[in-house]
Amino acid sequence: SLSVGQTLAAVCLAVFGLFLFEELLNCFLFVEALLAIPRNFQKTSVAGDGDTLKLISISIWRLAFMLGSVAIRFCIAVILLVAGGRWLSRTSVLADLLLNCAALVFVLELDELLYKSLVPGLVKGIVSRLQ
């Protein structure tokens, strides 16, 4: 039978793993969406249709930049998976385990927090209208 500490440690590792899985899945879906957009060598084209905007084509350079940023996100997630998993598995105090798990999840969610707090509302509106 498992003790309360072992159960809590397993739950913390599972929650951390689920957050990492979500991040890796988002990376995969973003790459899939990027590769589905037709490419143009020099120009990114957007067409408006009422309240929505549709990305007609994306420049090769913008595609390369976006794929590079996704690669960085993916690498950060994998590094956090390995290093964070080892760090959490070596934590022996339960209070520290919860705090460390919350810290690792904060690192994963930092990009979305920065987007929500620093990106102007006009840009967020344009992004939300894109299909």
N, C-alpha and C. Protein backbone atom coordinates (compact mmCIF):
# COMPACT_ATOMS: atom_id res chain seq x y z
N SER A 1 0.84 -1.19 0.00
CA SER A 1 0.00 0.00 0.00
C SER A 1 0.88 1.25 0.00
N LEU A 2 0.40 2.27 -0.67
CA LEU A 2 1.14 3.52 -0.79
C LEU A 2 0.85 4.45 0.38
N SER A 3 1.88 5.16 0.80
CA SER A 3 1.67 6.15 1.85
C SER A 3 1.09 7.42 1.23
N VAL A 4 0.70 8.34 2.09
CA VAL A 4 0.14 9.61 1.61
C VAL A 4 1.20 10.37 0.82
N GLY A 5 2.43 10.36 1.28
CA GLY A 5 3.51 11.05 0.58
C GLY A 5 3.77 10.48 -0.80
N GLN A 6 3.76 9.16 -0.92
CA GLN A 6 3.98 8.55 -2.23
C GLN A 6 2.83 8.85 -3.18
N THR A 7 1.62 8.85 -2.65
CA THR A 7 0.46 9.17 -3.47
C THR A 7 0.51 10.61 -3.95
N LEU A 8 0.85 11.52 -3.05
CA LEU A 8 0.95 12.93 -3.42
C LEU A 8 2.06 13.15 -4.44
N ALA A 9 3.18 12.47 -4.27
CA ALA A 9 4.27 12.59 -5.23
C ALA A 9 3.84 12.08 -6.60
N ALA A 10 3.12 10.98 -6.64
CA ALA A 10 2.63 10.44 -7.91
C ALA A 10 1.64 11.40 -8.57
N VAL A 11 0.79 12.01 -7.77
CA VAL A 11 -0.17 12.97 -8.31
C VAL A 11 0.55 14.19 -8.87
N CYS A 12 1.55 14.69 -8.15
CA CYS A 12 2.33 15.85 -8.63
C CYS A 12 3.03 15.53 -9.94
N LEU A 13 3.65 14.37 -10.02
CA LEU A 13 4.32 13.97 -11.26
C LEU A 13 3.31 13.81 -12.40
N ALA A 14 2.13 13.28 -12.10
CA ALA A 14 1.10 13.11 -13.12
C ALA A 14 0.59 14.46 -13.62
N VAL A 15 0.35 15.40 -12.71
CA VAL A 15 -0.11 16.73 -13.11
C VAL A 15 0.94 17.42 -13.96
N PHE A 16 2.19 17.35 -13.54
CA PHE A 16 3.28 17.93 -14.31
C PHE A 16 3.36 17.28 -15.69
N GLY A 17 3.23 15.98 -15.74
CA GLY A 17 3.25 15.27 -17.02
C GLY A 17 2.11 15.67 -17.93
N LEU A 18 0.93 15.90 -17.37
CA LEU A 18 -0.21 16.32 -18.18
C LEU A 18 0.00 17.72 -18.76
N PHE A 19 0.56 18.63 -17.98
CA PHE A 19 0.86 19.96 -18.49
C PHE A 19 1.89 19.88 -19.62
N LEU A 20 2.90 19.03 -19.45
CA LEU A 20 3.90 18.87 -20.51
C LEU A 20 3.29 18.23 -21.75
N PHE A 21 2.44 17.26 -21.56
CA PHE A 21 1.77 16.63 -22.70
C PHE A 21 0.95 17.66 -23.47
N GLU A 22 0.25 18.53 -22.76
CA GLU A 22 -0.54 19.57 -23.41
C GLU A 22 0.37 20.51 -24.22
N GLU A 23 1.49 20.90 -23.66
CA GLU A 23 2.43 21.78 -24.35
C GLU A 23 2.98 21.11 -25.61
N LEU A 24 3.37 19.86 -25.51
CA LEU A 24 3.90 19.14 -26.68
C LEU A 24 2.81 18.95 -27.74
N LEU A 25 1.59 18.68 -27.31
CA LEU A 25 0.48 18.54 -28.25
C LEU A 25 0.20 19.87 -28.95
N ASN A 26 0.24 20.98 -28.21
CA ASN A 26 0.04 22.29 -28.82
C ASN A 26 1.13 22.59 -29.84
N CYS A 27 2.36 22.21 -29.54
CA CYS A 27 3.46 22.39 -30.51
C CYS A 27 3.19 21.60 -31.78
N PHE A 28 2.79 20.35 -31.62
CA PHE A 28 2.51 19.50 -32.77
C PHE A 28 1.36 20.07 -33.62
N LEU A 29 0.27 20.50 -32.97
CA LEU A 29 -0.88 21.03 -33.70
C LEU A 29 -0.53 22.35 -34.40
N PHE A 30 0.31 23.16 -33.78
CA PHE A 30 0.72 24.41 -34.40
C PHE A 30 1.56 24.16 -35.64
N VAL A 31 2.47 23.20 -35.56
CA VAL A 31 3.29 22.85 -36.73
C VAL A 31 2.40 22.29 -37.84
N GLU A 32 1.44 21.46 -37.47
CA GLU A 32 0.52 20.91 -38.45
C GLU A 32 -0.28 22.02 -39.15
N ALA A 33 -0.74 23.01 -38.38
CA ALA A 33 -1.48 24.12 -38.97
C ALA A 33 -0.58 24.98 -39.85
N LEU A 34 0.65 25.23 -39.41
CA LEU A 34 1.59 26.02 -40.21
C LEU A 34 1.88 25.36 -41.55
N LEU A 35 2.08 24.06 -41.53
CA LEU A 35 2.42 23.36 -42.77
C LEU A 35 1.24 23.24 -43.71
N ALA A 36 0.02 23.44 -43.20
CA ALA A 36 -1.17 23.38 -44.05
C ALA A 36 -1.40 24.68 -44.81
N ILE A 37 -0.75 25.76 -44.41
CA ILE A 37 -0.91 27.06 -45.07
C ILE A 37 -0.07 27.08 -46.34
N PRO A 38 -0.67 27.50 -47.46
CA PRO A 38 0.14 27.61 -48.69
C PRO A 38 1.28 28.62 -48.49
N ARG A 39 2.39 28.38 -49.19
CA ARG A 39 3.58 29.22 -49.02
C ARG A 39 3.82 30.09 -50.25
N ASN A 40 4.32 31.26 -49.98
CA ASN A 40 4.74 32.20 -51.01
C ASN A 40 6.15 32.62 -50.64
N PHE A 41 7.00 32.82 -51.62
CA PHE A 41 8.40 33.08 -51.30
C PHE A 41 8.62 34.37 -50.52
N GLN A 42 7.96 35.45 -50.89
CA GLN A 42 8.25 36.73 -50.25
C GLN A 42 7.09 37.37 -49.51
N LYS A 43 5.89 36.91 -49.67
CA LYS A 43 4.74 37.66 -49.19
C LYS A 43 3.78 36.80 -48.38
N THR A 44 3.32 37.37 -47.27
CA THR A 44 2.25 36.76 -46.49
C THR A 44 0.96 37.49 -46.84
N SER A 45 -0.08 36.75 -47.22
CA SER A 45 -1.34 37.35 -47.65
C SER A 45 -2.46 36.99 -46.69
N VAL A 46 -3.25 38.02 -46.35
CA VAL A 46 -4.40 37.84 -45.47
C VAL A 46 -5.62 38.45 -46.17
N ALA A 47 -6.75 37.75 -46.11
CA ALA A 47 -7.99 38.26 -46.70
C ALA A 47 -9.04 38.38 -45.62
N GLY A 48 -9.79 39.47 -45.67
CA GLY A 48 -10.85 39.69 -44.69
C GLY A 48 -12.19 39.28 -45.27
N ASP A 49 -13.01 38.65 -44.43
CA ASP A 49 -14.35 38.24 -44.83
C ASP A 49 -15.29 38.53 -43.67
N GLY A 50 -15.80 39.74 -43.58
CA GLY A 50 -16.67 40.11 -42.47
C GLY A 50 -15.86 40.26 -41.19
N ASP A 51 -16.19 39.45 -40.21
CA ASP A 51 -15.50 39.51 -38.92
C ASP A 51 -14.30 38.60 -38.83
N THR A 52 -14.05 37.82 -39.87
CA THR A 52 -12.94 36.87 -39.80
C THR A 52 -11.84 37.26 -40.79
N LEU A 53 -10.67 36.85 -40.47
CA LEU A 53 -9.51 37.02 -41.35
C LEU A 53 -9.01 35.63 -41.71
N LYS A 54 -8.61 35.47 -42.96
CA LYS A 54 -8.09 34.17 -43.39
C LYS A 54 -6.69 34.35 -43.94
N LEU A 55 -5.79 33.51 -43.49
CA LEU A 55 -4.40 33.53 -43.96
C LEU A 55 -4.35 32.80 -45.29
N ILE A 56 -4.13 33.55 -46.38
CA ILE A 56 -4.12 32.98 -47.72
C ILE A 56 -2.79 32.27 -47.99
N SER A 57 -1.69 32.94 -47.67
CA SER A 57 -0.37 32.34 -47.84
C SER A 57 0.59 32.93 -46.82
N ILE A 58 1.68 32.23 -46.60
CA ILE A 58 2.68 32.68 -45.64
C ILE A 58 4.05 32.66 -46.32
N SER A 59 4.85 33.66 -46.02
CA SER A 59 6.17 33.72 -46.65
C SER A 59 7.07 32.61 -46.08
N ILE A 60 8.03 32.22 -46.86
CA ILE A 60 8.97 31.18 -46.45
C ILE A 60 9.73 31.61 -45.20
N TRP A 61 10.13 32.89 -45.15
CA TRP A 61 10.89 33.39 -43.99
C TRP A 61 10.05 33.41 -42.73
N ARG A 62 8.79 33.81 -42.86
CA ARG A 62 7.90 33.80 -41.69
C ARG A 62 7.63 32.37 -41.23
N LEU A 63 7.46 31.47 -42.18
CA LEU A 63 7.27 30.06 -41.84
C LEU A 63 8.49 29.52 -41.11
N ALA A 64 9.68 29.84 -41.60
CA ALA A 64 10.91 29.37 -40.96
C ALA A 64 11.02 29.94 -39.55
N PHE A 65 10.69 31.22 -39.37
CA PHE A 65 10.73 31.83 -38.04
C PHE A 65 9.75 31.14 -37.10
N MET A 66 8.53 30.90 -37.57
CA MET A 66 7.51 30.26 -36.73
C MET A 66 7.90 28.82 -36.39
N LEU A 67 8.44 28.09 -37.35
CA LEU A 67 8.89 26.73 -37.06
C LEU A 67 10.05 26.73 -36.08
N GLY A 68 10.93 27.72 -36.19
CA GLY A 68 12.03 27.85 -35.21
C GLY A 68 11.52 28.14 -33.82
N SER A 69 10.52 29.00 -33.71
CA SER A 69 9.97 29.30 -32.38
C SER A 69 9.27 28.08 -31.79
N VAL A 70 8.61 27.30 -32.63
CA VAL A 70 7.98 26.06 -32.13
C VAL A 70 9.05 25.06 -31.71
N ALA A 71 10.14 25.00 -32.45
CA ALA A 71 11.24 24.09 -32.08
C ALA A 71 11.82 24.48 -30.72
N ILE A 72 11.95 25.78 -30.47
CA ILE A 72 12.43 26.24 -29.16
C ILE A 72 11.45 25.84 -28.07
N ARG A 73 10.14 26.06 -28.31
CA ARG A 73 9.12 25.66 -27.31
C ARG A 73 9.19 24.16 -27.04
N PHE A 74 9.34 23.38 -28.10
CA PHE A 74 9.41 21.93 -27.96
C PHE A 74 10.64 21.52 -27.14
N CYS A 75 11.79 22.13 -27.44
CA CYS A 75 13.02 21.82 -26.70
C CYS A 75 12.89 22.18 -25.22
N ILE A 76 12.29 23.34 -24.94
CA ILE A 76 12.08 23.74 -23.55
C ILE A 76 11.19 22.73 -22.84
N ALA A 77 10.13 22.27 -23.51
CA ALA A 77 9.23 21.30 -22.90
C ALA A 77 9.94 19.98 -22.62
N VAL A 78 10.76 19.52 -23.56
CA VAL A 78 11.48 18.26 -23.36
C VAL A 78 12.52 18.40 -22.25
N ILE A 79 13.23 19.53 -22.22
CA ILE A 79 14.21 19.75 -21.15
C ILE A 79 13.51 19.80 -19.79
N LEU A 80 12.35 20.48 -19.74
CA LEU A 80 11.60 20.51 -18.48
C LEU A 80 11.09 19.13 -18.11
N LEU A 81 10.73 18.33 -19.09
CA LEU A 81 10.28 16.97 -18.81
C LEU A 81 11.38 16.16 -18.15
N VAL A 82 12.57 16.21 -18.72
CA VAL A 82 13.68 15.42 -18.19
C VAL A 82 14.20 16.00 -16.88
N ALA A 83 14.61 17.26 -16.92
CA ALA A 83 15.20 17.88 -15.72
C ALA A 83 14.16 18.06 -14.62
N GLY A 84 12.96 18.51 -14.99
CA GLY A 84 11.92 18.71 -13.99
C GLY A 84 11.44 17.41 -13.37
N GLY A 85 11.32 16.39 -14.20
CA GLY A 85 10.93 15.08 -13.67
C GLY A 85 11.95 14.52 -12.69
N ARG A 86 13.23 14.68 -13.03
CA ARG A 86 14.29 14.23 -12.11
C ARG A 86 14.27 15.07 -10.83
N TRP A 87 14.07 16.37 -10.97
CA TRP A 87 14.05 17.27 -9.81
C TRP A 87 12.88 16.92 -8.89
N LEU A 88 11.71 16.70 -9.48
CA LEU A 88 10.55 16.36 -8.66
C LEU A 88 10.70 14.99 -8.00
N SER A 89 11.28 14.05 -8.74
CA SER A 89 11.42 12.70 -8.17
C SER A 89 12.44 12.65 -7.04
N ARG A 90 13.35 13.62 -7.00
CA ARG A 90 14.35 13.66 -5.92
C ARG A 90 13.94 14.55 -4.75
N THR A 91 12.79 15.18 -4.84
CA THR A 91 12.31 16.02 -3.74
C THR A 91 11.69 15.13 -2.68
N SER A 92 12.15 15.28 -1.44
CA SER A 92 11.67 14.39 -0.38
C SER A 92 10.65 15.04 0.55
N VAL A 93 10.62 16.34 0.64
CA VAL A 93 9.67 17.03 1.52
C VAL A 93 8.41 17.34 0.71
N LEU A 94 7.25 16.99 1.25
CA LEU A 94 6.01 17.13 0.51
C LEU A 94 5.70 18.58 0.16
N ALA A 95 5.93 19.51 1.08
CA ALA A 95 5.66 20.93 0.79
C ALA A 95 6.55 21.41 -0.35
N ASP A 96 7.80 20.99 -0.36
CA ASP A 96 8.71 21.36 -1.45
C ASP A 96 8.28 20.73 -2.77
N LEU A 97 7.74 19.54 -2.70
CA LEU A 97 7.28 18.86 -3.91
C LEU A 97 6.16 19.65 -4.57
N LEU A 98 5.19 20.11 -3.80
CA LEU A 98 4.09 20.90 -4.35
C LEU A 98 4.59 22.23 -4.90
N LEU A 99 5.49 22.87 -4.17
CA LEU A 99 6.04 24.14 -4.62
C LEU A 99 6.86 23.97 -5.90
N ASN A 100 7.67 22.94 -5.97
CA ASN A 100 8.48 22.69 -7.16
C ASN A 100 7.60 22.37 -8.38
N CYS A 101 6.55 21.60 -8.15
CA CYS A 101 5.64 21.27 -9.25
C CYS A 101 4.96 22.55 -9.76
N ALA A 102 4.52 23.40 -8.84
CA ALA A 102 3.90 24.66 -9.24
C ALA A 102 4.89 25.55 -9.99
N ALA A 103 6.14 25.55 -9.57
CA ALA A 103 7.17 26.36 -10.24
C ALA A 103 7.41 25.87 -11.67
N LEU A 104 7.46 24.57 -11.86
CA LEU A 104 7.67 24.03 -13.20
C LEU A 104 6.49 24.31 -14.12
N VAL A 105 5.28 24.21 -13.60
CA VAL A 105 4.09 24.52 -14.39
C VAL A 105 4.06 26.01 -14.73
N PHE A 106 4.51 26.85 -13.80
CA PHE A 106 4.59 28.29 -14.07
C PHE A 106 5.53 28.57 -15.24
N VAL A 107 6.65 27.88 -15.30
CA VAL A 107 7.58 28.06 -16.41
C VAL A 107 6.92 27.67 -17.72
N LEU A 108 6.12 26.61 -17.72
CA LEU A 108 5.43 26.19 -18.93
C LEU A 108 4.38 27.20 -19.36
N GLU A 109 3.70 27.83 -18.42
CA GLU A 109 2.62 28.75 -18.72
C GLU A 109 3.08 30.19 -18.88
N LEU A 110 4.37 30.45 -18.73
CA LEU A 110 4.88 31.82 -18.76
C LEU A 110 4.63 32.51 -20.10
N ASP A 111 4.74 31.79 -21.20
CA ASP A 111 4.52 32.42 -22.51
C ASP A 111 3.09 32.92 -22.67
N GLU A 112 2.13 32.16 -22.19
CA GLU A 112 0.74 32.59 -22.27
C GLU A 112 0.46 33.76 -21.33
N LEU A 113 1.08 33.76 -20.17
CA LEU A 113 0.94 34.87 -19.24
C LEU A 113 1.51 36.15 -19.84
N LEU A 114 2.66 36.06 -20.48
CA LEU A 114 3.26 37.22 -21.13
C LEU A 114 2.38 37.71 -22.28
N TYR A 115 1.83 36.79 -23.05
CA TYR A 115 0.95 37.17 -24.15
C TYR A 115 -0.27 37.92 -23.63
N LYS A 116 -0.90 37.39 -22.59
CA LYS A 116 -2.11 38.01 -22.05
C LYS A 116 -1.85 39.38 -21.43
N SER A 117 -0.68 39.56 -20.87
CA SER A 117 -0.42 40.81 -20.15
C SER A 117 0.33 41.86 -20.98
N LEU A 118 1.11 41.48 -21.99
CA LEU A 118 1.94 42.44 -22.71
C LEU A 118 1.49 42.76 -24.13
N VAL A 119 0.76 41.86 -24.76
CA VAL A 119 0.35 42.10 -26.14
C VAL A 119 -0.84 43.06 -26.14
N PRO A 120 -0.79 44.10 -26.98
CA PRO A 120 -1.90 45.06 -27.03
C PRO A 120 -3.22 44.41 -27.46
N GLY A 121 -4.31 44.99 -27.03
CA GLY A 121 -5.64 44.46 -27.34
C GLY A 121 -5.93 44.40 -28.82
N LEU A 122 -5.42 45.37 -29.59
CA LEU A 122 -5.63 45.37 -31.03
C LEU A 122 -5.02 44.12 -31.67
N VAL A 123 -3.83 43.77 -31.26
CA VAL A 123 -3.17 42.58 -31.80
C VAL A 123 -3.91 41.32 -31.38
N LYS A 124 -4.37 41.27 -30.14
CA LYS A 124 -5.14 40.11 -29.68
C LYS A 124 -6.43 39.97 -30.49
N GLY A 125 -7.05 41.10 -30.81
CA GLY A 125 -8.27 41.06 -31.63
C GLY A 125 -8.01 40.52 -33.02
N ILE A 126 -6.90 40.94 -33.61
CA ILE A 126 -6.55 40.45 -34.95
C ILE A 126 -6.26 38.95 -34.91
N VAL A 127 -5.53 38.52 -33.90
CA VAL A 127 -5.20 37.09 -33.77
C VAL A 127 -6.47 36.27 -33.55
N SER A 128 -7.40 36.78 -32.75
CA SER A 128 -8.63 36.03 -32.49
C SER A 128 -9.52 35.95 -33.74
N ARG A 129 -9.37 36.90 -34.66
CA ARG A 129 -10.18 36.89 -35.90
C ARG A 129 -9.58 35.98 -36.96
N LEU A 130 -8.32 35.60 -36.82
CA LEU A 130 -7.68 34.74 -37.82
C LEU A 130 -8.25 33.33 -37.80
N GLN A 131 -8.41 32.76 -38.98
CA GLN A 131 -8.86 31.38 -39.07
C GLN A 131 -7.72 30.52 -39.55
